[in-house]
Amino acid sequence: SNVKREEATADANLSLYLRSLSHDFNNLLAAILGNAALLTSLLPEDSEAARTAALIERAAQRGAELSAHLAR
C-alpha cells in the first residue's frame, strides 16, 4: 500500500540521514582525538594538562561510540 511504501521511504531517508550525520560527527571527533593524543604526547604524564587531555580523549571516544549507534 501507499502508506507502507511512504513509511519505508521515510525510514530509509532517516537511516541515510543518520549515517551521514554520524560520518560528519566522526570526522570532527577524529580531529579532537588526534589533537588530544598530540597534547598527551607533549605533556608530562603527571600534569593537570595531561589529565585534562585524557578527559577530552575519553569524551571524544564516548562520542564516537554514540555516533556508531546512529549509523546502525
C-alpha atoms as a PDB file:
ATOM      1  CA  SER A   1       0.000   0.000   0.000  1.00  0.00           C
ATOM      2  CA  ASN A   2       0.987   3.621  -0.367  1.00  0.00           C
ATOM      3  CA  VAL A   3       1.182   4.142   3.406  1.00  0.00           C
ATOM      4  CA  LYS A   4       3.624   1.252   3.833  1.00  0.00           C
ATOM      5  CA  ARG A   5       5.700   2.464   0.908  1.00  0.00           C
ATOM      6  CA  GLU A   6       5.772   6.001   2.348  1.00  0.00           C
ATOM      7  CA  GLU A   7       6.779   4.632   5.765  1.00  0.00           C
ATOM      8  CA  ALA A   8       9.545   2.544   4.187  1.00  0.00           C
ATOM      9  CA  THR A   9      10.794   5.591   2.272  1.00  0.00           C
ATOM     10  CA  ALA A  10      10.711   7.728   5.423  1.00  0.00           C
ATOM     11  CA  ASP A  11      12.624   5.029   7.335  1.00  0.00           C
ATOM     12  CA  ALA A  12      15.217   4.779   4.547  1.00  0.00           C
ATOM     13  CA  ASN A  13      15.596   8.574   4.444  1.00  0.00           C
ATOM     14  CA  LEU A  14      16.024   8.743   8.215  1.00  0.00           C
ATOM     15  CA  SER A  15      18.589   5.952   8.125  1.00  0.00           C
ATOM     16  CA  LEU A  16      20.542   7.708   5.366  1.00  0.00           C
ATOM     17  CA  TYR A  17      20.412  10.994   7.282  1.00  0.00           C
ATOM     18  CA  LEU A  18      21.655   9.369  10.499  1.00  0.00           C
ATOM     19  CA  ARG A  19      24.526   7.626   8.675  1.00  0.00           C
ATOM     20  CA  SER A  20      25.521  10.934   7.066  1.00  0.00           C
ATOM     21  CA  LEU A  21      25.322  12.753  10.392  1.00  0.00           C
ATOM     22  CA  SER A  22      27.368  10.019  12.052  1.00  0.00           C
ATOM     23  CA  HIS A  23      30.030  10.264   9.355  1.00  0.00           C
ATOM     24  CA  ASP A  24      30.334  14.048   9.717  1.00  0.00           C
ATOM     25  CA  PHE A  25      30.385  13.813  13.518  1.00  0.00           C
ATOM     26  CA  ASN A  26      33.095  11.148  13.370  1.00  0.00           C
ATOM     27  CA  ASN A  27      35.236  13.464  11.229  1.00  0.00           C
ATOM     28  CA  LEU A  28      35.007  16.109  13.961  1.00  0.00           C
ATOM     29  CA  LEU A  29      35.775  13.538  16.647  1.00  0.00           C
ATOM     30  CA  ALA A  30      38.829  12.328  14.717  1.00  0.00           C
ATOM     31  CA  ALA A  31      40.256  15.846  14.828  1.00  0.00           C
ATOM     32  CA  ILE A  32      39.542  16.097  18.563  1.00  0.00           C
ATOM     33  CA  LEU A  33      41.053  12.670  19.250  1.00  0.00           C
ATOM     34  CA  GLY A  34      44.145  13.410  17.171  1.00  0.00           C
ATOM     35  CA  ASN A  35      44.788  16.694  18.915  1.00  0.00           C
ATOM     36  CA  ALA A  36      44.156  15.196  22.360  1.00  0.00           C
ATOM     37  CA  ALA A  37      46.655  12.425  21.569  1.00  0.00           C
ATOM     38  CA  LEU A  38      49.186  15.007  20.401  1.00  0.00           C
ATOM     39  CA  LEU A  39      48.716  17.003  23.599  1.00  0.00           C
ATOM     40  CA  THR A  40      49.109  13.880  25.680  1.00  0.00           C
ATOM     41  CA  SER A  41      52.386  13.037  23.939  1.00  0.00           C
ATOM     42  CA  LEU A  42      53.767  16.539  24.548  1.00  0.00           C
ATOM     43  CA  LEU A  43      52.785  16.943  28.199  1.00  0.00           C
ATOM     44  CA  PRO A  44      54.357  15.491  31.328  1.00  0.00           C
ATOM     45  CA  GLU A  45      52.343  12.421  32.335  1.00  0.00           C
ATOM     46  CA  ASP A  46      51.629  13.658  35.844  1.00  0.00           C
ATOM     47  CA  SER A  47      50.481  17.144  34.825  1.00  0.00           C
ATOM     48  CA  GLU A  48      46.997  18.555  35.193  1.00  0.00           C
ATOM     49  CA  ALA A  49      47.059  19.403  31.483  1.00  0.00           C
ATOM     50  CA  ALA A  50      47.745  15.749  30.592  1.00  0.00           C
ATOM     51  CA  ARG A  51      44.841  14.641  32.781  1.00  0.00           C
ATOM     52  CA  THR A  52      42.613  17.176  31.031  1.00  0.00           C
ATOM     53  CA  ALA A  53      43.769  15.952  27.601  1.00  0.00           C
ATOM     54  CA  ALA A  54      42.935  12.391  28.698  1.00  0.00           C
ATOM     55  CA  LEU A  55      39.436  13.532  29.728  1.00  0.00           C
ATOM     56  CA  ILE A  56      38.958  15.139  26.324  1.00  0.00           C
ATOM     57  CA  GLU A  57      40.122  11.963  24.623  1.00  0.00           C
ATOM     58  CA  ARG A  58      37.759   9.763  26.661  1.00  0.00           C
ATOM     59  CA  ALA A  59      34.814  12.076  25.981  1.00  0.00           C
ATOM     60  CA  ALA A  60      35.544  12.026  22.235  1.00  0.00           C
ATOM     61  CA  GLN A  61      35.804   8.226  22.297  1.00  0.00           C
ATOM     62  CA  ARG A  62      32.424   8.056  24.038  1.00  0.00           C
ATOM     63  CA  GLY A  63      31.044  10.379  21.370  1.00  0.00           C
ATOM     64  CA  ALA A  64      32.363   8.011  18.703  1.00  0.00           C
ATOM     65  CA  GLU A  65      30.605   5.098  20.414  1.00  0.00           C
ATOM     66  CA  LEU A  66      27.335   7.002  20.491  1.00  0.00           C
ATOM     67  CA  SER A  67      27.786   8.021  16.872  1.00  0.00           C
ATOM     68  CA  ALA A  68      28.286   4.388  15.886  1.00  0.00           C
ATOM     69  CA  HIS A  69      24.803   3.670  17.242  1.00  0.00           C
ATOM     70  CA  LEU A  70      23.353   6.306  14.911  1.00  0.00           C
ATOM     71  CA  ALA A  71      24.849   4.594  11.884  1.00  0.00           C
ATOM     72  CA  ARG A  72      23.145   1.274  12.585  1.00  0.00           C
END
